[in-house]
Amino acid sequence: MTHALTTAMIFAAGRGERMRPLTDTCPKPLLEAGGKPLIVWQIERLAQAGIRTIVINHAWLGARIEAALGDGARWDVVLRYSPETEALETAGGIAQALPLLGEQVFVAVSGDVFCNFDYASLRANADKLQARSEPGMHLVMVPNPPFHPAGDFALRDGLLALDGEPRVTFGNIGLYDPRMFRDLVPGTRRALTPYYREAIGAGRASGELYPGRWENVGTPAQLQALDEALRSR
């Protein structure tokens, strides 16, 4: 029986400092490329994969995100929002959103990533994670981009390692067991990095390499290049 993988989280709480001045008046996930907000490209891909509940955390100009996206009905999904007074980073954002995420393994992705990744392909790994007695994670890795040549972790035979070769870069797409975050008090500001290192060190983190279209849209120049590429398609 395959895991439905019906729930996703999109991280959308960041201030987008490198994207200023564009983000002074517009939350970064609503910046447009190819005629659509960055976050809408992700919502559409998640919906295509059969994911029906998407939790979006927000902090900076969060009301604009809710006003622009609404309840998700136009994409045949349910959008739920997890507001943060100040951005709690990724692990803190998950802990705050746990009541909305439920008990099942979920997929999480950054709202400023553009990719052609097929989220439906994660179902088998979600199954494996759901069946584990100890909570783990599965990370989607990408070839090292020019801005991160040293990579993040080693990937060998479907398992991630802290050291060794070949090294690849985390693509900001991951499957997570919500049990990992139950001890983190909601409202605590914490990154996911310590969770990655702990799970990888304990052998509880699998991974895969995605060689397809993937861009971390961090600067106005990167946004403009992506916009031009999408419009010329």
C-alpha atoms as a PDB file:
ATOM      1  CA  MET A   1       0.000   0.000   0.000  1.00  0.00           C
ATOM      2  CA  THR A   2       1.534   3.307  -1.007  1.00  0.00           C
ATOM      3  CA  HIS A   3       1.700   6.282   1.302  1.00  0.00           C
ATOM      4  CA  ALA A   4      -0.677   8.955   0.064  1.00  0.00           C
ATOM      5  CA  LEU A   5       1.795  11.798   0.726  1.00  0.00           C
ATOM      6  CA  THR A   6      -1.075  14.256   0.865  1.00  0.00           C
ATOM      7  CA  THR A   7       0.538  17.073   2.855  1.00  0.00           C
ATOM      8  CA  ALA A   8       3.263  19.588   2.042  1.00  0.00           C
ATOM      9  CA  MET A   9       4.808  22.631   3.666  1.00  0.00           C
ATOM     10  CA  ILE A  10       6.192  25.607   1.789  1.00  0.00           C
ATOM     11  CA  PHE A  11       8.659  27.798   3.695  1.00  0.00           C
ATOM     12  CA  ALA A  12       7.701  31.404   2.969  1.00  0.00           C
ATOM     13  CA  ALA A  13       8.656  33.331   6.114  1.00  0.00           C
ATOM     14  CA  GLY A  14      12.045  34.704   5.086  1.00  0.00           C
ATOM     15  CA  ARG A  15      12.676  38.418   4.664  1.00  0.00           C
ATOM     16  CA  GLY A  16      14.585  37.964   1.391  1.00  0.00           C
ATOM     17  CA  GLU A  17      17.399  40.370   2.248  1.00  0.00           C
ATOM     18  CA  ARG A  18      19.423  39.606  -0.896  1.00  0.00           C
ATOM     19  CA  MET A  19      16.347  40.327  -2.991  1.00  0.00           C
ATOM     20  CA  ARG A  20      15.979  43.894  -1.733  1.00  0.00           C
ATOM     21  CA  PRO A  21      14.701  46.403  -2.738  1.00  0.00           C
ATOM     22  CA  LEU A  22      12.096  44.157  -4.423  1.00  0.00           C
ATOM     23  CA  THR A  23      11.179  42.537  -1.106  1.00  0.00           C
ATOM     24  CA  ASP A  24      10.761  45.837   0.746  1.00  0.00           C
ATOM     25  CA  THR A  25       7.178  45.975  -0.520  1.00  0.00           C
ATOM     26  CA  CYS A  26       6.502  42.417  -1.760  1.00  0.00           C
ATOM     27  CA  PRO A  27       7.087  39.133   0.111  1.00  0.00           C
ATOM     28  CA  LYS A  28       9.736  37.121  -1.719  1.00  0.00           C
ATOM     29  CA  PRO A  29       7.464  34.143  -2.579  1.00  0.00           C
ATOM     30  CA  LEU A  30       5.124  36.494  -4.465  1.00  0.00           C
ATOM     31  CA  LEU A  31       7.859  37.838  -6.753  1.00  0.00           C
ATOM     32  CA  GLU A  32       6.985  36.802 -10.292  1.00  0.00           C
ATOM     33  CA  ALA A  33       8.874  34.818 -12.905  1.00  0.00           C
ATOM     34  CA  GLY A  34       7.285  33.822 -16.194  1.00  0.00           C
ATOM     35  CA  GLY A  35       4.073  35.635 -15.262  1.00  0.00           C
ATOM     36  CA  LYS A  36       3.494  33.747 -11.992  1.00  0.00           C
ATOM     37  CA  PRO A  37       4.628  34.191  -8.378  1.00  0.00           C
ATOM     38  CA  LEU A  38       7.476  31.833  -7.446  1.00  0.00           C
ATOM     39  CA  ILE A  39       5.305  30.142  -4.819  1.00  0.00           C
ATOM     40  CA  VAL A  40       2.527  29.448  -7.350  1.00  0.00           C
ATOM     41  CA  TRP A  41       4.908  27.375  -9.498  1.00  0.00           C
ATOM     42  CA  GLN A  42       5.475  25.203  -6.406  1.00  0.00           C
ATOM     43  CA  ILE A  43       1.781  24.985  -5.492  1.00  0.00           C
ATOM     44  CA  GLU A  44       0.986  23.824  -9.035  1.00  0.00           C
ATOM     45  CA  ARG A  45       3.651  21.112  -9.011  1.00  0.00           C
ATOM     46  CA  LEU A  46       2.571  19.863  -5.591  1.00  0.00           C
ATOM     47  CA  ALA A  47      -1.067  19.786  -6.727  1.00  0.00           C
ATOM     48  CA  GLN A  48      -0.088  17.832  -9.857  1.00  0.00           C
ATOM     49  CA  ALA A  49       1.489  15.216  -7.568  1.00  0.00           C
ATOM     50  CA  GLY A  50      -1.798  14.678  -5.743  1.00  0.00           C
ATOM     51  CA  ILE A  51      -0.890  16.668  -2.643  1.00  0.00           C
ATOM     52  CA  ARG A  52      -4.082  18.171  -1.289  1.00  0.00           C
ATOM     53  CA  THR A  53      -3.082  20.074   1.863  1.00  0.00           C
ATOM     54  CA  ILE A  54      -0.329  22.701   1.717  1.00  0.00           C
ATOM     55  CA  VAL A  55       0.785  24.553   4.829  1.00  0.00           C
ATOM     56  CA  ILE A  56       2.502  27.896   4.217  1.00  0.00           C
ATOM     57  CA  ASN A  57       4.361  29.670   7.011  1.00  0.00           C
ATOM     58  CA  HIS A  58       4.861  33.399   6.734  1.00  0.00           C
ATOM     59  CA  ALA A  59       6.204  36.368   8.682  1.00  0.00           C
ATOM     60  CA  TRP A  60       7.305  39.333   6.540  1.00  0.00           C
ATOM     61  CA  LEU A  61       4.215  40.811   4.785  1.00  0.00           C
ATOM     62  CA  GLY A  62       2.411  37.554   5.485  1.00  0.00           C
ATOM     63  CA  ALA A  63      -1.054  39.046   5.069  1.00  0.00           C
ATOM     64  CA  ARG A  64      -0.158  39.773   1.436  1.00  0.00           C
ATOM     65  CA  ILE A  65       0.605  36.079   0.880  1.00  0.00           C
ATOM     66  CA  GLU A  66      -2.770  35.027   2.296  1.00  0.00           C
ATOM     67  CA  ALA A  67      -4.605  37.683   0.278  1.00  0.00           C
ATOM     68  CA  ALA A  68      -2.876  36.682  -2.968  1.00  0.00           C
ATOM     69  CA  LEU A  69      -3.258  32.898  -2.624  1.00  0.00           C
ATOM     70  CA  GLY A  70      -6.534  32.546  -0.737  1.00  0.00           C
ATOM     71  CA  ASP A  71      -7.830  29.137   0.271  1.00  0.00           C
ATOM     72  CA  GLY A  72      -6.173  27.226  -2.595  1.00  0.00           C
ATOM     73  CA  ALA A  73      -9.424  26.221  -4.310  1.00  0.00           C
ATOM     74  CA  ARG A  74      -8.226  27.429  -7.721  1.00  0.00           C
ATOM     75  CA  TRP A  75      -5.485  24.751  -7.617  1.00  0.00           C
ATOM     76  CA  ASP A  76      -7.777  22.104  -6.078  1.00  0.00           C
ATOM     77  CA  VAL A  77      -5.794  22.166  -2.828  1.00  0.00           C
ATOM     78  CA  VAL A  78      -6.435  23.386   0.703  1.00  0.00           C
ATOM     79  CA  LEU A  79      -4.002  26.116   1.752  1.00  0.00           C
ATOM     80  CA  ARG A  80      -3.424  26.507   5.485  1.00  0.00           C
ATOM     81  CA  TYR A  81      -1.345  29.306   6.952  1.00  0.00           C
ATOM     82  CA  SER A  82       1.031  29.290   9.898  1.00  0.00           C
ATOM     83  CA  PRO A  83       1.792  32.927  10.810  1.00  0.00           C
ATOM     84  CA  GLU A  84       4.976  33.812  12.667  1.00  0.00           C
ATOM     85  CA  THR A  85       5.510  37.155  14.389  1.00  0.00           C
ATOM     86  CA  GLU A  86       9.178  36.936  13.485  1.00  0.00           C
ATOM     87  CA  ALA A  87      10.619  34.285  11.193  1.00  0.00           C
ATOM     88  CA  LEU A  88      11.347  31.118  13.199  1.00  0.00           C
ATOM     89  CA  GLU A  89      13.637  29.575  10.536  1.00  0.00           C
ATOM     90  CA  THR A  90      12.923  26.154   9.078  1.00  0.00           C
ATOM     91  CA  ALA A  91      12.799  23.783  12.077  1.00  0.00           C
ATOM     92  CA  GLY A  92      11.056  26.432  14.168  1.00  0.00           C
ATOM     93  CA  GLY A  93       8.569  26.939  11.360  1.00  0.00           C
ATOM     94  CA  ILE A  94       7.794  23.209  11.239  1.00  0.00           C
ATOM     95  CA  ALA A  95       7.348  23.004  15.029  1.00  0.00           C
ATOM     96  CA  GLN A  96       4.929  25.935  14.932  1.00  0.00           C
ATOM     97  CA  ALA A  97       2.969  24.343  12.067  1.00  0.00           C
ATOM     98  CA  LEU A  98       2.773  20.778  13.473  1.00  0.00           C
ATOM     99  CA  PRO A  99      -0.940  21.045  14.391  1.00  0.00           C
ATOM    100  CA  LEU A 100      -1.659  21.798  10.712  1.00  0.00           C
ATOM    101  CA  LEU A 101       0.712  19.159   9.296  1.00  0.00           C
ATOM    102  CA  GLY A 102      -0.777  16.106  11.000  1.00  0.00           C
ATOM    103  CA  GLU A 103       0.836  12.778  11.861  1.00  0.00           C
ATOM    104  CA  GLN A 104       2.037  11.599   8.457  1.00  0.00           C
ATOM    105  CA  VAL A 105       5.374  12.125   6.721  1.00  0.00           C
ATOM    106  CA  PHE A 106       5.191  15.361   4.726  1.00  0.00           C
ATOM    107  CA  VAL A 107       7.229  17.046   1.999  1.00  0.00           C
ATOM    108  CA  ALA A 108       8.676  20.521   2.608  1.00  0.00           C
ATOM    109  CA  VAL A 109      10.173  22.906   0.070  1.00  0.00           C
ATOM    110  CA  SER A 110      11.428  26.483   0.058  1.00  0.00           C
ATOM    111  CA  GLY A 111       9.113  29.002  -1.562  1.00  0.00           C
ATOM    112  CA  ASP A 112      11.975  30.565  -3.540  1.00  0.00           C
ATOM    113  CA  VAL A 113      13.060  27.369  -5.327  1.00  0.00           C
ATOM    114  CA  PHE A 114      12.088  26.874  -8.971  1.00  0.00           C
ATOM    115  CA  CYS A 115      12.321  23.309 -10.246  1.00  0.00           C
ATOM    116  CA  ASN A 116      10.688  20.689 -12.430  1.00  0.00           C
ATOM    117  CA  PHE A 117      10.888  18.008  -9.742  1.00  0.00           C
ATOM    118  CA  ASP A 118       8.083  15.416  -9.728  1.00  0.00           C
ATOM    119  CA  TYR A 119       6.879  15.296  -6.124  1.00  0.00           C
ATOM    120  CA  ALA A 120       4.856  12.147  -6.824  1.00  0.00           C
ATOM    121  CA  SER A 121       8.182  10.296  -7.138  1.00  0.00           C
ATOM    122  CA  LEU A 122       8.681  10.698  -3.372  1.00  0.00           C
ATOM    123  CA  ARG A 123       5.859   8.364  -2.408  1.00  0.00           C
ATOM    124  CA  ALA A 124       7.976   5.206  -2.079  1.00  0.00           C
ATOM    125  CA  ASN A 125      10.447   6.984   0.199  1.00  0.00           C
ATOM    126  CA  ALA A 126       7.570   8.458   2.221  1.00  0.00           C
ATOM    127  CA  ASP A 127       6.340   4.872   2.690  1.00  0.00           C
ATOM    128  CA  LYS A 128       9.716   3.769   4.013  1.00  0.00           C
ATOM    129  CA  LEU A 129       9.953   6.701   6.417  1.00  0.00           C
ATOM    130  CA  GLN A 130       6.409   6.154   7.675  1.00  0.00           C
ATOM    131  CA  ALA A 131       7.212   2.509   8.484  1.00  0.00           C
ATOM    132  CA  ARG A 132      10.331   3.304  10.549  1.00  0.00           C
ATOM    133  CA  SER A 133      10.289   3.046  14.326  1.00  0.00           C
ATOM    134  CA  GLU A 134      12.810   5.900  14.562  1.00  0.00           C
ATOM    135  CA  PRO A 135      11.916   9.161  12.783  1.00  0.00           C
ATOM    136  CA  GLY A 136      14.060   9.987   9.760  1.00  0.00           C
ATOM    137  CA  MET A 137      14.218  12.118   6.645  1.00  0.00           C
ATOM    138  CA  HIS A 138      14.802  11.889   2.901  1.00  0.00           C
ATOM    139  CA  LEU A 139      16.529  14.782   1.141  1.00  0.00           C
ATOM    140  CA  VAL A 140      16.534  15.659  -2.541  1.00  0.00           C
ATOM    141  CA  MET A 141      20.053  16.685  -3.559  1.00  0.00           C
ATOM    142  CA  VAL A 142      21.193  18.528  -6.676  1.00  0.00           C
ATOM    143  CA  PRO A 143      24.546  18.858  -8.471  1.00  0.00           C
ATOM    144  CA  ASN A 144      26.628  21.569  -6.806  1.00  0.00           C
ATOM    145  CA  PRO A 145      25.669  24.972  -8.237  1.00  0.00           C
ATOM    146  CA  PRO A 146      28.364  27.590  -8.969  1.00  0.00           C
ATOM    147  CA  PHE A 147      27.577  29.488  -5.756  1.00  0.00           C
ATOM    148  CA  HIS A 148      28.052  26.344  -3.607  1.00  0.00           C
ATOM    149  CA  PRO A 149      30.854  24.274  -5.206  1.00  0.00           C
ATOM    150  CA  ALA A 150      31.771  22.292  -2.069  1.00  0.00           C
ATOM    151  CA  GLY A 151      28.293  20.805  -1.639  1.00  0.00           C
ATOM    152  CA  ASP A 152      26.599  19.923   1.657  1.00  0.00           C
ATOM    153  CA  PHE A 153      26.757  16.160   2.173  1.00  0.00           C
ATOM    154  CA  ALA A 154      28.031  13.004   0.531  1.00  0.00           C
ATOM    155  CA  LEU A 155      25.530  10.725  -1.229  1.00  0.00           C
ATOM    156  CA  ARG A 156      26.368   7.047  -1.675  1.00  0.00           C
ATOM    157  CA  ASP A 157      23.956   4.213  -2.493  1.00  0.00           C
ATOM    158  CA  GLY A 158      20.921   6.236  -1.444  1.00  0.00           C
ATOM    159  CA  LEU A 159      22.310   7.189   1.974  1.00  0.00           C
ATOM    160  CA  LEU A 160      23.617  10.589   3.047  1.00  0.00           C
ATOM    161  CA  ALA A 161      26.919  10.947   4.893  1.00  0.00           C
ATOM    162  CA  LEU A 162      28.520  13.942   6.599  1.00  0.00           C
ATOM    163  CA  ASP A 163      31.932  13.217   5.058  1.00  0.00           C
ATOM    164  CA  GLY A 164      33.285  11.622   1.907  1.00  0.00           C
ATOM    165  CA  GLU A 165      32.612  11.872  -1.816  1.00  0.00           C
ATOM    166  CA  PRO A 166      30.794  12.574  -4.054  1.00  0.00           C
ATOM    167  CA  ARG A 167      29.463  15.701  -2.371  1.00  0.00           C
ATOM    168  CA  VAL A 168      26.189  17.234  -3.521  1.00  0.00           C
ATOM    169  CA  THR A 169      24.001  20.174  -2.498  1.00  0.00           C
ATOM    170  CA  PHE A 170      20.707  20.004  -0.635  1.00  0.00           C
ATOM    171  CA  GLY A 171      17.974  21.163  -3.014  1.00  0.00           C
ATOM    172  CA  ASN A 172      15.660  22.504  -0.276  1.00  0.00           C
ATOM    173  CA  ILE A 173      13.205  19.659  -0.917  1.00  0.00           C
ATOM    174  CA  GLY A 174      12.806  17.067   1.827  1.00  0.00           C
ATOM    175  CA  LEU A 175      10.544  14.464   3.394  1.00  0.00           C
ATOM    176  CA  TYR A 176      10.259  14.727   7.171  1.00  0.00           C
ATOM    177  CA  ASP A 177       8.705  12.666   9.935  1.00  0.00           C
ATOM    178  CA  PRO A 178       6.807  15.094  12.194  1.00  0.00           C
ATOM    179  CA  ARG A 179       7.922  13.132  15.264  1.00  0.00           C
ATOM    180  CA  MET A 180      11.371  14.702  14.849  1.00  0.00           C
ATOM    181  CA  PHE A 181      10.038  18.103  15.899  1.00  0.00           C
ATOM    182  CA  ARG A 182       7.689  17.275  18.755  1.00  0.00           C
ATOM    183  CA  ASP A 183      10.242  18.250  21.423  1.00  0.00           C
ATOM    184  CA  LEU A 184      10.816  21.692  19.887  1.00  0.00           C
ATOM    185  CA  VAL A 185       8.680  24.244  21.731  1.00  0.00           C
ATOM    186  CA  PRO A 186       6.479  26.202  19.292  1.00  0.00           C
ATOM    187  CA  GLY A 187       7.798  29.727  18.906  1.00  0.00           C
ATOM    188  CA  THR A 188      11.452  28.612  19.174  1.00  0.00           C
ATOM    189  CA  ARG A 189      13.731  29.946  16.447  1.00  0.00           C
ATOM    190  CA  ARG A 190      15.786  27.066  15.024  1.00  0.00           C
ATOM    191  CA  ALA A 191      17.259  26.008  11.691  1.00  0.00           C
ATOM    192  CA  LEU A 192      17.015  22.508  10.232  1.00  0.00           C
ATOM    193  CA  THR A 193      20.794  22.103   9.917  1.00  0.00           C
ATOM    194  CA  PRO A 194      21.282  20.418  13.347  1.00  0.00           C
ATOM    195  CA  TYR A 195      18.466  17.993  12.495  1.00  0.00           C
ATOM    196  CA  TYR A 196      20.138  17.115   9.185  1.00  0.00           C
ATOM    197  CA  ARG A 197      23.466  16.472  10.854  1.00  0.00           C
ATOM    198  CA  GLU A 198      21.949  14.376  13.642  1.00  0.00           C
ATOM    199  CA  ALA A 199      19.820  12.230  11.308  1.00  0.00           C
ATOM    200  CA  ILE A 200      22.669  11.749   8.812  1.00  0.00           C
ATOM    201  CA  GLY A 201      25.133  10.892  11.575  1.00  0.00           C
ATOM    202  CA  ALA A 202      22.704   8.301  12.963  1.00  0.00           C
ATOM    203  CA  GLY A 203      22.118   6.738   9.530  1.00  0.00           C
ATOM    204  CA  ARG A 204      18.486   7.851   9.442  1.00  0.00           C
ATOM    205  CA  ALA A 205      18.704  10.083   6.345  1.00  0.00           C
ATOM    206  CA  SER A 206      18.323   8.779   2.817  1.00  0.00           C
ATOM    207  CA  GLY A 207      18.818  10.882  -0.280  1.00  0.00           C
ATOM    208  CA  GLU A 208      18.515  11.038  -4.050  1.00  0.00           C
ATOM    209  CA  LEU A 209      20.150  13.127  -6.751  1.00  0.00           C
ATOM    210  CA  TYR A 210      17.872  15.226  -8.935  1.00  0.00           C
ATOM    211  CA  PRO A 211      19.773  16.354 -12.058  1.00  0.00           C
ATOM    212  CA  GLY A 212      16.908  18.313 -13.658  1.00  0.00           C
ATOM    213  CA  ARG A 213      15.958  21.983 -13.734  1.00  0.00           C
ATOM    214  CA  TRP A 214      16.537  23.510 -10.294  1.00  0.00           C
ATOM    215  CA  GLU A 215      17.229  27.098  -9.313  1.00  0.00           C
ATOM    216  CA  ASN A 216      17.501  28.771  -5.944  1.00  0.00           C
ATOM    217  CA  VAL A 217      16.239  32.248  -6.804  1.00  0.00           C
ATOM    218  CA  GLY A 218      18.135  34.464  -4.373  1.00  0.00           C
ATOM    219  CA  THR A 219      18.939  37.766  -6.084  1.00  0.00           C
ATOM    220  CA  PRO A 220      17.181  40.197  -8.444  1.00  0.00           C
ATOM    221  CA  ALA A 221      19.583  39.137 -11.218  1.00  0.00           C
ATOM    222  CA  GLN A 222      18.651  35.453 -10.758  1.00  0.00           C
ATOM    223  CA  LEU A 223      14.960  36.362 -10.759  1.00  0.00           C
ATOM    224  CA  GLN A 224      15.337  38.353 -13.971  1.00  0.00           C
ATOM    225  CA  ALA A 225      17.246  35.526 -15.679  1.00  0.00           C
ATOM    226  CA  LEU A 226      14.585  32.988 -14.675  1.00  0.00           C
ATOM    227  CA  ASP A 227      11.806  35.319 -15.826  1.00  0.00           C
ATOM    228  CA  GLU A 228      13.436  35.764 -19.239  1.00  0.00           C
ATOM    229  CA  ALA A 229      14.041  32.016 -19.599  1.00  0.00           C
ATOM    230  CA  LEU A 230      10.424  31.141 -18.763  1.00  0.00           C
ATOM    231  CA  ARG A 231       8.972  33.817 -21.022  1.00  0.00           C
ATOM    232  CA  SER A 232      11.096  32.671 -23.974  1.00  0.00           C
ATOM    233  CA  ARG A 233       9.815  29.076 -23.685  1.00  0.00           C
END
